[in-house]
């Protein structure tokens, strides 16, 4: 078998007969050129497109995970903040109980009102380490402590009520020495909004700085600023009876003090949600507001 290549034109003629050894490399070269020319040029582009799509999906998932992590940490931090505030209040309850035990000259070993180092450190402004904070465990411990403190405070209340203040704990009289009754208990026009609003106490107006007096003996359970009330004094008289004295210029007692009927507990002022110098006087029984007027005119 032989192969002859013939080239002919008007002016020349060329004949070439390659050998068998020369035919095989030429055939391989021609096949290679054919395969290269027939390959699809779309395959690399398609692979790049798939790779780009996969990278975009991964980036989107990473962004979603980052957002989820941030929102979860924010919620957890908010819960831990509330827990820290509750623990701070538990510390205050312990301080109140310890003061009452001291004032009643009782044996402190019979009560467990003490502030532990761990509780004292977990205050609302303390940074929280999320990785080291066992929230569920702390909540369970705090609930147990609160239940125990509630029982002990109840026992202390019974003791105090029997320590020569039972007769004085009955409410009677006005919470001021000088002044006049300026607003009654019940529905009235709110001086700020102009809308009908429930007024849960009596207002006694007078001169700023005039004494505000306790209408019955009891234990001071609040002596600080409270929203709306301004500088507020709250007294627990036992048997579910509580009085409040709001909008004071300043308070003269502290939480845990035992006060007697007629004692000056604050100075009349205009703090909080107030339009003038007066004392806002409330009587609360078993958690429900009462009209203080019958107590004011009780003999």
C-alpha atoms as a PDB file:
ATOM      1  CA  UNK A   1       0.000   0.000   0.000  1.00  0.00           C
ATOM      2  CA  UNK A   2       1.370   3.410  -0.986  1.00  0.00           C
ATOM      3  CA  UNK A   3       0.207   7.032  -0.824  1.00  0.00           C
ATOM      4  CA  UNK A   4       0.862   9.582  -3.523  1.00  0.00           C
ATOM      5  CA  UNK A   5       0.356  13.319  -3.111  1.00  0.00           C
ATOM      6  CA  UNK A   6      -0.048  15.180  -6.402  1.00  0.00           C
ATOM      7  CA  UNK A   7      -0.029  18.968  -6.821  1.00  0.00           C
ATOM      8  CA  UNK A   8      -0.411  20.457 -10.252  1.00  0.00           C
ATOM      9  CA  UNK A   9      -0.854  23.956 -11.565  1.00  0.00           C
ATOM     10  CA  UNK A  10      -0.600  25.589 -14.988  1.00  0.00           C
ATOM     11  CA  UNK A  11       3.101  26.248 -14.604  1.00  0.00           C
ATOM     12  CA  UNK A  12       4.303  23.458 -12.319  1.00  0.00           C
ATOM     13  CA  UNK A  13       3.672  19.978 -11.141  1.00  0.00           C
ATOM     14  CA  UNK A  14       4.660  18.306  -7.835  1.00  0.00           C
ATOM     15  CA  UNK A  15       4.479  14.634  -6.859  1.00  0.00           C
ATOM     16  CA  UNK A  16       5.315  13.299  -3.392  1.00  0.00           C
ATOM     17  CA  UNK A  17       5.227   9.687  -2.226  1.00  0.00           C
ATOM     18  CA  UNK A  18       5.742   9.471   1.591  1.00  0.00           C
ATOM     19  CA  UNK A  19       6.999   6.291   3.157  1.00  0.00           C
ATOM     20  CA  UNK A  20       5.043   4.258   5.694  1.00  0.00           C
ATOM     21  CA  UNK A  21       7.142   5.696   8.540  1.00  0.00           C
ATOM     22  CA  UNK A  22       6.200   9.220   7.450  1.00  0.00           C
ATOM     23  CA  UNK A  23       2.464   8.441   7.022  1.00  0.00           C
ATOM     24  CA  UNK A  24       1.826   7.411  10.676  1.00  0.00           C
ATOM     25  CA  UNK A  25       3.110  10.627  12.362  1.00  0.00           C
ATOM     26  CA  UNK A  26       1.188  12.694   9.844  1.00  0.00           C
ATOM     27  CA  UNK A  27      -2.002  10.767  10.571  1.00  0.00           C
ATOM     28  CA  UNK A  28      -1.554  11.222  14.322  1.00  0.00           C
ATOM     29  CA  UNK A  29      -0.935  14.959  13.891  1.00  0.00           C
ATOM     30  CA  UNK A  30      -4.044  15.352  11.713  1.00  0.00           C
ATOM     31  CA  UNK A  31      -6.199  13.498  14.288  1.00  0.00           C
ATOM     32  CA  UNK A  32      -4.824  15.671  17.076  1.00  0.00           C
ATOM     33  CA  UNK A  33      -5.665  18.856  15.157  1.00  0.00           C
ATOM     34  CA  UNK A  34      -9.148  17.525  14.492  1.00  0.00           C
ATOM     35  CA  UNK A  35      -9.754  16.729  18.189  1.00  0.00           C
ATOM     36  CA  UNK A  36      -8.477  20.115  19.353  1.00  0.00           C
ATOM     37  CA  UNK A  37     -10.619  21.973  16.836  1.00  0.00           C
ATOM     38  CA  UNK A  38     -13.725  19.957  17.775  1.00  0.00           C
ATOM     39  CA  UNK A  39     -13.518  20.531  21.595  1.00  0.00           C
ATOM     40  CA  UNK A  40     -16.281  22.786  23.107  1.00  0.00           C
ATOM     41  CA  UNK A  41     -15.115  26.174  24.327  1.00  0.00           C
ATOM     42  CA  UNK A  42     -18.150  26.462  26.651  1.00  0.00           C
ATOM     43  CA  UNK A  43     -16.960  23.949  29.266  1.00  0.00           C
ATOM     44  CA  UNK A  44     -14.513  26.237  31.168  1.00  0.00           C
ATOM     45  CA  UNK A  45     -17.031  29.062  31.202  1.00  0.00           C
ATOM     46  CA  UNK A  46     -19.725  26.768  32.555  1.00  0.00           C
ATOM     47  CA  UNK A  47     -17.429  25.542  35.332  1.00  0.00           C
ATOM     48  CA  UNK A  48     -16.534  29.110  36.281  1.00  0.00           C
ATOM     49  CA  UNK A  49     -20.227  30.006  36.428  1.00  0.00           C
ATOM     50  CA  UNK A  50     -20.989  27.050  38.670  1.00  0.00           C
ATOM     51  CA  UNK A  51     -18.068  27.938  40.941  1.00  0.00           C
ATOM     52  CA  UNK A  52     -19.180  31.565  41.183  1.00  0.00           C
ATOM     53  CA  UNK A  53     -22.739  30.506  42.037  1.00  0.00           C
ATOM     54  CA  UNK A  54     -21.512  28.164  44.767  1.00  0.00           C
ATOM     55  CA  UNK A  55     -19.311  30.890  46.265  1.00  0.00           C
ATOM     56  CA  UNK A  56     -22.225  33.332  46.241  1.00  0.00           C
ATOM     57  CA  UNK A  57     -24.438  30.799  48.050  1.00  0.00           C
ATOM     58  CA  UNK A  58     -21.809  30.171  50.687  1.00  0.00           C
ATOM     59  CA  UNK A  59     -21.355  33.894  51.280  1.00  0.00           C
ATOM     60  CA  UNK A  60     -25.123  34.349  51.655  1.00  0.00           C
ATOM     61  CA  UNK A  61     -25.323  31.481  54.149  1.00  0.00           C
ATOM     62  CA  UNK A  62     -22.396  32.938  56.097  1.00  0.00           C
ATOM     63  CA  UNK A  63     -24.137  36.322  56.265  1.00  0.00           C
ATOM     64  CA  UNK A  64     -27.352  34.697  57.505  1.00  0.00           C
ATOM     65  CA  UNK A  65     -25.434  32.762  60.168  1.00  0.00           C
ATOM     66  CA  UNK A  66     -23.653  35.932  61.310  1.00  0.00           C
ATOM     67  CA  UNK A  67     -26.988  37.788  61.586  1.00  0.00           C
ATOM     68  CA  UNK A  68     -28.538  34.882  63.518  1.00  0.00           C
ATOM     69  CA  UNK A  69     -25.584  34.756  65.899  1.00  0.00           C
ATOM     70  CA  UNK A  70     -25.736  38.512  66.533  1.00  0.00           C
ATOM     71  CA  UNK A  71     -29.504  38.523  67.200  1.00  0.00           C
ATOM     72  CA  UNK A  72     -29.230  35.467  69.479  1.00  0.00           C
ATOM     73  CA  UNK A  73     -26.444  37.077  71.495  1.00  0.00           C
ATOM     74  CA  UNK A  74     -28.513  40.267  71.830  1.00  0.00           C
ATOM     75  CA  UNK A  75     -31.543  38.346  73.145  1.00  0.00           C
ATOM     76  CA  UNK A  76     -29.408  36.339  75.549  1.00  0.00           C
ATOM     77  CA  UNK A  77     -27.682  39.489  76.794  1.00  0.00           C
ATOM     78  CA  UNK A  78     -31.097  41.098  77.419  1.00  0.00           C
ATOM     79  CA  UNK A  79     -32.271  38.066  79.417  1.00  0.00           C
ATOM     80  CA  UNK A  80     -29.060  38.039  81.427  1.00  0.00           C
ATOM     81  CA  UNK A  81     -29.442  41.765  82.093  1.00  0.00           C
ATOM     82  CA  UNK A  82     -32.922  41.183  83.549  1.00  0.00           C
ATOM     83  CA  UNK A  83     -31.579  38.311  85.613  1.00  0.00           C
ATOM     84  CA  UNK A  84     -28.778  40.514  86.934  1.00  0.00           C
ATOM     85  CA  UNK A  85     -31.332  43.183  87.889  1.00  0.00           C
ATOM     86  CA  UNK A  86     -33.399  40.570  89.733  1.00  0.00           C
ATOM     87  CA  UNK A  87     -30.311  39.386  91.573  1.00  0.00           C
ATOM     88  CA  UNK A  88     -29.523  42.992  92.477  1.00  0.00           C
ATOM     89  CA  UNK A  89     -32.981  43.307  94.019  1.00  0.00           C
ATOM     90  CA  UNK A  90     -32.355  40.097  95.932  1.00  0.00           C
ATOM     91  CA  UNK A  91     -29.223  41.700  97.364  1.00  0.00           C
ATOM     92  CA  UNK A  92     -31.358  44.645  98.515  1.00  0.00           C
ATOM     93  CA  UNK A  93     -33.861  42.261 100.116  1.00  0.00           C
ATOM     94  CA  UNK A  94     -31.003  40.647 101.999  1.00  0.00           C
ATOM     95  CA  UNK A  95     -29.802  44.065 103.150  1.00  0.00           C
ATOM     96  CA  UNK A  96     -33.310  45.005 104.279  1.00  0.00           C
ATOM     97  CA  UNK A  97     -33.731  41.736 106.191  1.00  0.00           C
ATOM     98  CA  UNK A  98     -30.359  42.067 107.876  1.00  0.00           C
ATOM     99  CA  UNK A  99     -31.200  45.627 108.978  1.00  0.00           C
ATOM    100  CA  UNK A 100     -34.562  44.540 110.361  1.00  0.00           C
ATOM    101  CA  UNK A 101     -32.961  41.698 112.311  1.00  0.00           C
ATOM    102  CA  UNK A 102     -30.475  44.164 113.791  1.00  0.00           C
ATOM    103  CA  UNK A 103     -33.132  46.720 114.706  1.00  0.00           C
ATOM    104  CA  UNK A 104     -35.278  44.053 116.361  1.00  0.00           C
ATOM    105  CA  UNK A 105     -32.212  42.873 118.287  1.00  0.00           C
ATOM    106  CA  UNK A 106     -32.756  39.308 117.105  1.00  0.00           C
ATOM    107  CA  UNK A 107     -30.183  36.554 116.780  1.00  0.00           C
ATOM    108  CA  UNK A 108     -28.804  36.884 113.207  1.00  0.00           C
ATOM    109  CA  UNK A 109     -27.900  33.177 113.208  1.00  0.00           C
ATOM    110  CA  UNK A 110     -31.616  32.379 113.099  1.00  0.00           C
ATOM    111  CA  UNK A 111     -31.974  34.176 109.766  1.00  0.00           C
ATOM    112  CA  UNK A 112     -30.051  33.946 106.488  1.00  0.00           C
ATOM    113  CA  UNK A 113     -30.080  37.563 105.350  1.00  0.00           C
ATOM    114  CA  UNK A 114     -26.556  37.889 104.037  1.00  0.00           C
ATOM    115  CA  UNK A 115     -25.044  39.115 100.783  1.00  0.00           C
ATOM    116  CA  UNK A 116     -22.762  36.523  99.207  1.00  0.00           C
ATOM    117  CA  UNK A 117     -19.793  37.612  97.155  1.00  0.00           C
ATOM    118  CA  UNK A 118     -21.255  36.125  93.985  1.00  0.00           C
ATOM    119  CA  UNK A 119     -24.579  37.948  94.382  1.00  0.00           C
ATOM    120  CA  UNK A 120     -22.915  41.242  95.183  1.00  0.00           C
ATOM    121  CA  UNK A 121     -20.892  41.109  91.974  1.00  0.00           C
ATOM    122  CA  UNK A 122     -23.798  40.409  89.602  1.00  0.00           C
ATOM    123  CA  UNK A 123     -25.288  43.904  89.326  1.00  0.00           C
ATOM    124  CA  UNK A 124     -27.114  45.428  86.303  1.00  0.00           C
ATOM    125  CA  UNK A 125     -24.040  47.376  85.110  1.00  0.00           C
ATOM    126  CA  UNK A 126     -21.676  44.398  85.394  1.00  0.00           C
ATOM    127  CA  UNK A 127     -20.481  43.021  82.003  1.00  0.00           C
ATOM    128  CA  UNK A 128     -21.777  39.493  81.440  1.00  0.00           C
ATOM    129  CA  UNK A 129     -19.514  36.726  80.148  1.00  0.00           C
ATOM    130  CA  UNK A 130     -21.903  34.642  78.051  1.00  0.00           C
ATOM    131  CA  UNK A 131     -19.576  31.660  77.860  1.00  0.00           C
ATOM    132  CA  UNK A 132     -19.308  31.295  81.646  1.00  0.00           C
ATOM    133  CA  UNK A 133     -22.827  32.199  82.776  1.00  0.00           C
ATOM    134  CA  UNK A 134     -25.116  29.297  83.643  1.00  0.00           C
ATOM    135  CA  UNK A 135     -28.404  31.134  83.316  1.00  0.00           C
ATOM    136  CA  UNK A 136     -30.804  28.288  84.126  1.00  0.00           C
ATOM    137  CA  UNK A 137     -28.863  27.344  87.247  1.00  0.00           C
ATOM    138  CA  UNK A 138     -28.798  30.958  88.473  1.00  0.00           C
ATOM    139  CA  UNK A 139     -32.557  31.357  87.957  1.00  0.00           C
ATOM    140  CA  UNK A 140     -33.293  28.182  89.948  1.00  0.00           C
ATOM    141  CA  UNK A 141     -30.999  29.278  92.786  1.00  0.00           C
ATOM    142  CA  UNK A 142     -32.505  32.760  92.854  1.00  0.00           C
ATOM    143  CA  UNK A 143     -36.098  31.437  92.958  1.00  0.00           C
ATOM    144  CA  UNK A 144     -35.217  29.213  95.908  1.00  0.00           C
ATOM    145  CA  UNK A 145     -33.571  32.146  97.693  1.00  0.00           C
ATOM    146  CA  UNK A 146     -36.530  34.442  97.053  1.00  0.00           C
ATOM    147  CA  UNK A 147     -38.974  31.881  98.441  1.00  0.00           C
ATOM    148  CA  UNK A 148     -36.824  31.508 101.545  1.00  0.00           C
ATOM    149  CA  UNK A 149     -36.462  35.283 102.010  1.00  0.00           C
ATOM    150  CA  UNK A 150     -40.220  35.757 101.611  1.00  0.00           C
ATOM    151  CA  UNK A 151     -40.870  33.369 104.504  1.00  0.00           C
ATOM    152  CA  UNK A 152     -38.267  35.056 106.692  1.00  0.00           C
ATOM    153  CA  UNK A 153     -39.600  38.544 105.951  1.00  0.00           C
ATOM    154  CA  UNK A 154     -43.076  37.311 106.858  1.00  0.00           C
ATOM    155  CA  UNK A 155     -41.734  36.065 110.164  1.00  0.00           C
ATOM    156  CA  UNK A 156     -39.993  39.399 110.767  1.00  0.00           C
ATOM    157  CA  UNK A 157     -43.216  41.263 110.008  1.00  0.00           C
ATOM    158  CA  UNK A 158     -45.050  39.205 112.634  1.00  0.00           C
ATOM    159  CA  UNK A 159     -42.299  39.934 115.151  1.00  0.00           C
ATOM    160  CA  UNK A 160     -42.366  43.673 114.483  1.00  0.00           C
ATOM    161  CA  UNK A 161     -46.125  43.852 114.635  1.00  0.00           C
ATOM    162  CA  UNK A 162     -45.919  42.467 118.159  1.00  0.00           C
ATOM    163  CA  UNK A 163     -43.142  44.856 119.239  1.00  0.00           C
ATOM    164  CA  UNK A 164     -45.341  47.656 120.554  1.00  0.00           C
ATOM    165  CA  UNK A 165     -46.388  49.076 117.170  1.00  0.00           C
ATOM    166  CA  UNK A 166     -49.622  47.168 116.631  1.00  0.00           C
ATOM    167  CA  UNK A 167     -51.707  49.992 118.079  1.00  0.00           C
ATOM    168  CA  UNK A 168     -49.904  52.669 116.061  1.00  0.00           C
ATOM    169  CA  UNK A 169     -50.075  50.757 112.780  1.00  0.00           C
ATOM    170  CA  UNK A 170     -53.767  51.645 112.353  1.00  0.00           C
ATOM    171  CA  UNK A 171     -53.879  54.443 109.764  1.00  0.00           C
ATOM    172  CA  UNK A 172     -55.436  57.749 110.734  1.00  0.00           C
ATOM    173  CA  UNK A 173     -55.009  61.433 109.971  1.00  0.00           C
ATOM    174  CA  UNK A 174     -53.467  63.524 107.219  1.00  0.00           C
ATOM    175  CA  UNK A 175     -49.942  62.991 105.839  1.00  0.00           C
ATOM    176  CA  UNK A 176     -49.122  66.694 106.356  1.00  0.00           C
ATOM    177  CA  UNK A 177     -48.893  69.122 109.240  1.00  0.00           C
ATOM    178  CA  UNK A 178     -49.879  72.194 107.193  1.00  0.00           C
ATOM    179  CA  UNK A 179     -51.711  72.434 103.882  1.00  0.00           C
ATOM    180  CA  UNK A 180     -54.987  71.539 102.236  1.00  0.00           C
ATOM    181  CA  UNK A 181     -56.665  68.720 100.313  1.00  0.00           C
ATOM    182  CA  UNK A 182     -56.372  69.681  96.636  1.00  0.00           C
ATOM    183  CA  UNK A 183     -57.442  66.560  94.717  1.00  0.00           C
ATOM    184  CA  UNK A 184     -59.631  63.568  95.575  1.00  0.00           C
ATOM    185  CA  UNK A 185     -59.486  59.836  94.814  1.00  0.00           C
ATOM    186  CA  UNK A 186     -61.244  58.675  91.618  1.00  0.00           C
ATOM    187  CA  UNK A 187     -61.651  59.660  87.976  1.00  0.00           C
ATOM    188  CA  UNK A 188     -60.379  63.143  87.186  1.00  0.00           C
ATOM    189  CA  UNK A 189     -58.998  65.125  84.239  1.00  0.00           C
ATOM    190  CA  UNK A 190     -55.310  64.405  83.915  1.00  0.00           C
ATOM    191  CA  UNK A 191     -53.409  67.722  84.208  1.00  0.00           C
ATOM    192  CA  UNK A 192     -50.895  66.616  81.553  1.00  0.00           C
ATOM    193  CA  UNK A 193     -52.992  64.825  78.928  1.00  0.00           C
ATOM    194  CA  UNK A 194     -56.368  66.451  79.587  1.00  0.00           C
ATOM    195  CA  UNK A 195     -58.048  63.033  79.437  1.00  0.00           C
ATOM    196  CA  UNK A 196     -60.132  61.313  82.143  1.00  0.00           C
ATOM    197  CA  UNK A 197     -57.749  59.268  84.288  1.00  0.00           C
ATOM    198  CA  UNK A 198     -58.002  57.285  87.507  1.00  0.00           C
ATOM    199  CA  UNK A 199     -56.391  59.145  90.414  1.00  0.00           C
ATOM    200  CA  UNK A 200     -55.378  56.457  92.914  1.00  0.00           C
ATOM    201  CA  UNK A 201     -54.842  58.706  95.923  1.00  0.00           C
ATOM    202  CA  UNK A 202     -55.367  62.081  97.556  1.00  0.00           C
ATOM    203  CA  UNK A 203     -53.278  65.186  96.913  1.00  0.00           C
ATOM    204  CA  UNK A 204     -52.433  67.509  99.788  1.00  0.00           C
ATOM    205  CA  UNK A 205     -50.963  70.819  98.630  1.00  0.00           C
ATOM    206  CA  UNK A 206     -48.790  73.112 100.689  1.00  0.00           C
ATOM    207  CA  UNK A 207     -45.492  74.934 100.797  1.00  0.00           C
ATOM    208  CA  UNK A 208     -42.399  73.218  99.455  1.00  0.00           C
ATOM    209  CA  UNK A 209     -40.264  71.911 102.290  1.00  0.00           C
ATOM    210  CA  UNK A 210     -43.161  71.339 104.701  1.00  0.00           C
ATOM    211  CA  UNK A 211     -42.929  68.035 106.654  1.00  0.00           C
ATOM    212  CA  UNK A 212     -44.599  64.896 105.285  1.00  0.00           C
ATOM    213  CA  UNK A 213     -45.612  62.592 108.132  1.00  0.00           C
ATOM    214  CA  UNK A 214     -46.396  58.885 108.416  1.00  0.00           C
ATOM    215  CA  UNK A 215     -50.078  58.180 109.050  1.00  0.00           C
ATOM    216  CA  UNK A 216     -49.260  54.933 110.832  1.00  0.00           C
ATOM    217  CA  UNK A 217     -46.318  52.949 112.163  1.00  0.00           C
ATOM    218  CA  UNK A 218     -44.585  50.433 109.954  1.00  0.00           C
ATOM    219  CA  UNK A 219     -41.503  49.463 107.990  1.00  0.00           C
ATOM    220  CA  UNK A 220     -40.125  51.578 105.137  1.00  0.00           C
ATOM    221  CA  UNK A 221     -40.045  49.395 102.016  1.00  0.00           C
ATOM    222  CA  UNK A 222     -39.145  52.160  99.526  1.00  0.00           C
ATOM    223  CA  UNK A 223     -37.307  55.448  99.981  1.00  0.00           C
ATOM    224  CA  UNK A 224     -36.014  56.595  96.595  1.00  0.00           C
ATOM    225  CA  UNK A 225     -37.047  57.856  93.163  1.00  0.00           C
ATOM    226  CA  UNK A 226     -39.799  55.984  91.314  1.00  0.00           C
ATOM    227  CA  UNK A 227     -41.157  56.796  87.864  1.00  0.00           C
ATOM    228  CA  UNK A 228     -44.136  59.169  88.054  1.00  0.00           C
ATOM    229  CA  UNK A 229     -43.943  59.492  91.846  1.00  0.00           C
ATOM    230  CA  UNK A 230     -40.658  61.375  91.970  1.00  0.00           C
ATOM    231  CA  UNK A 231     -39.083  60.976  95.408  1.00  0.00           C
ATOM    232  CA  UNK A 232     -41.297  58.334  97.030  1.00  0.00           C
ATOM    233  CA  UNK A 233     -41.627  56.846 100.515  1.00  0.00           C
ATOM    234  CA  UNK A 234     -43.556  53.584 100.898  1.00  0.00           C
ATOM    235  CA  UNK A 235     -44.447  52.114 104.296  1.00  0.00           C
ATOM    236  CA  UNK A 236     -45.683  48.594 105.026  1.00  0.00           C
ATOM    237  CA  UNK A 237     -48.023  48.632 108.019  1.00  0.00           C
ATOM    238  CA  UNK A 238     -48.607  44.884 108.123  1.00  0.00           C
ATOM    239  CA  UNK A 239     -51.692  42.827 107.318  1.00  0.00           C
ATOM    240  CA  UNK A 240     -51.413  43.776 103.644  1.00  0.00           C
ATOM    241  CA  UNK A 241     -51.742  47.535 104.291  1.00  0.00           C
ATOM    242  CA  UNK A 242     -49.317  49.915 102.557  1.00  0.00           C
ATOM    243  CA  UNK A 243     -49.145  53.717 102.258  1.00  0.00           C
ATOM    244  CA  UNK A 244     -47.270  55.800  99.688  1.00  0.00           C
ATOM    245  CA  UNK A 245     -46.116  59.422  99.899  1.00  0.00           C
ATOM    246  CA  UNK A 246     -45.036  60.823  96.531  1.00  0.00           C
ATOM    247  CA  UNK A 247     -43.517  63.924  94.847  1.00  0.00           C
ATOM    248  CA  UNK A 248     -41.328  64.764  97.856  1.00  0.00           C
ATOM    249  CA  UNK A 249     -38.499  67.259  97.665  1.00  0.00           C
ATOM    250  CA  UNK A 250     -36.349  64.855  99.672  1.00  0.00           C
ATOM    251  CA  UNK A 251     -36.797  61.810 101.909  1.00  0.00           C
ATOM    252  CA  UNK A 252     -35.645  61.556 105.528  1.00  0.00           C
ATOM    253  CA  UNK A 253     -35.815  57.771 105.982  1.00  0.00           C
ATOM    254  CA  UNK A 254     -34.223  54.782 104.306  1.00  0.00           C
ATOM    255  CA  UNK A 255     -35.419  51.334 103.313  1.00  0.00           C
ATOM    256  CA  UNK A 256     -35.694  49.105 106.369  1.00  0.00           C
ATOM    257  CA  UNK A 257     -36.344  51.888 108.879  1.00  0.00           C
ATOM    258  CA  UNK A 258     -39.110  51.367 111.413  1.00  0.00           C
ATOM    259  CA  UNK A 259     -41.208  54.534 111.641  1.00  0.00           C
ATOM    260  CA  UNK A 260     -43.891  55.604 114.101  1.00  0.00           C
ATOM    261  CA  UNK A 261     -47.192  57.365 113.518  1.00  0.00           C
ATOM    262  CA  UNK A 262     -46.693  61.127 113.106  1.00  0.00           C
ATOM    263  CA  UNK A 263     -42.967  60.803 112.336  1.00  0.00           C
ATOM    264  CA  UNK A 264     -41.621  63.166 109.663  1.00  0.00           C
ATOM    265  CA  UNK A 265     -40.491  60.958 106.787  1.00  0.00           C
ATOM    266  CA  UNK A 266     -39.960  63.488 103.958  1.00  0.00           C
ATOM    267  CA  UNK A 267     -40.215  67.120 102.864  1.00  0.00           C
ATOM    268  CA  UNK A 268     -43.019  68.224 100.528  1.00  0.00           C
ATOM    269  CA  UNK A 269     -41.868  68.855  96.974  1.00  0.00           C
ATOM    270  CA  UNK A 270     -42.692  68.902  93.288  1.00  0.00           C
ATOM    271  CA  UNK A 271     -40.722  65.956  91.876  1.00  0.00           C
ATOM    272  CA  UNK A 272     -41.906  63.399  89.338  1.00  0.00           C
ATOM    273  CA  UNK A 273     -45.147  63.849  87.406  1.00  0.00           C
ATOM    274  CA  UNK A 274     -46.305  66.872  89.346  1.00  0.00           C
ATOM    275  CA  UNK A 275     -47.615  70.381  88.646  1.00  0.00           C
ATOM    276  CA  UNK A 276     -46.890  71.948  92.029  1.00  0.00           C
ATOM    277  CA  UNK A 277     -45.710  71.352  95.572  1.00  0.00           C
ATOM    278  CA  UNK A 278     -47.880  68.653  97.174  1.00  0.00           C
ATOM    279  CA  UNK A 279     -47.826  65.128  98.594  1.00  0.00           C
ATOM    280  CA  UNK A 280     -49.611  62.357  96.732  1.00  0.00           C
ATOM    281  CA  UNK A 281     -50.981  60.018  99.397  1.00  0.00           C
ATOM    282  CA  UNK A 282     -52.055  56.442  98.564  1.00  0.00           C
ATOM    283  CA  UNK A 283     -53.485  53.637 100.669  1.00  0.00           C
ATOM    284  CA  UNK A 284     -53.122  50.108  99.274  1.00  0.00           C
ATOM    285  CA  UNK A 285     -54.743  47.047 100.809  1.00  0.00           C
ATOM    286  CA  UNK A 286     -53.841  43.558  99.630  1.00  0.00           C
ATOM    287  CA  UNK A 287     -52.361  45.071  96.480  1.00  0.00           C
ATOM    288  CA  UNK A 288     -55.492  47.101  95.593  1.00  0.00           C
ATOM    289  CA  UNK A 289     -55.705  50.922  95.839  1.00  0.00           C
ATOM    290  CA  UNK A 290     -58.219  52.265  98.372  1.00  0.00           C
ATOM    291  CA  UNK A 291     -59.830  55.661  98.841  1.00  0.00           C
ATOM    292  CA  UNK A 292     -57.635  57.203 101.586  1.00  0.00           C
ATOM    293  CA  UNK A 293     -60.334  59.648 102.695  1.00  0.00           C
ATOM    294  CA  UNK A 294     -61.957  57.328 105.297  1.00  0.00           C
ATOM    295  CA  UNK A 295     -58.518  56.722 106.831  1.00  0.00           C
ATOM    296  CA  UNK A 296     -57.794  60.457 106.921  1.00  0.00           C
ATOM    297  CA  UNK A 297     -60.929  61.201 108.944  1.00  0.00           C
ATOM    298  CA  UNK A 298     -60.677  58.141 111.198  1.00  0.00           C
ATOM    299  CA  UNK A 299     -60.579  58.959 114.889  1.00  0.00           C
END
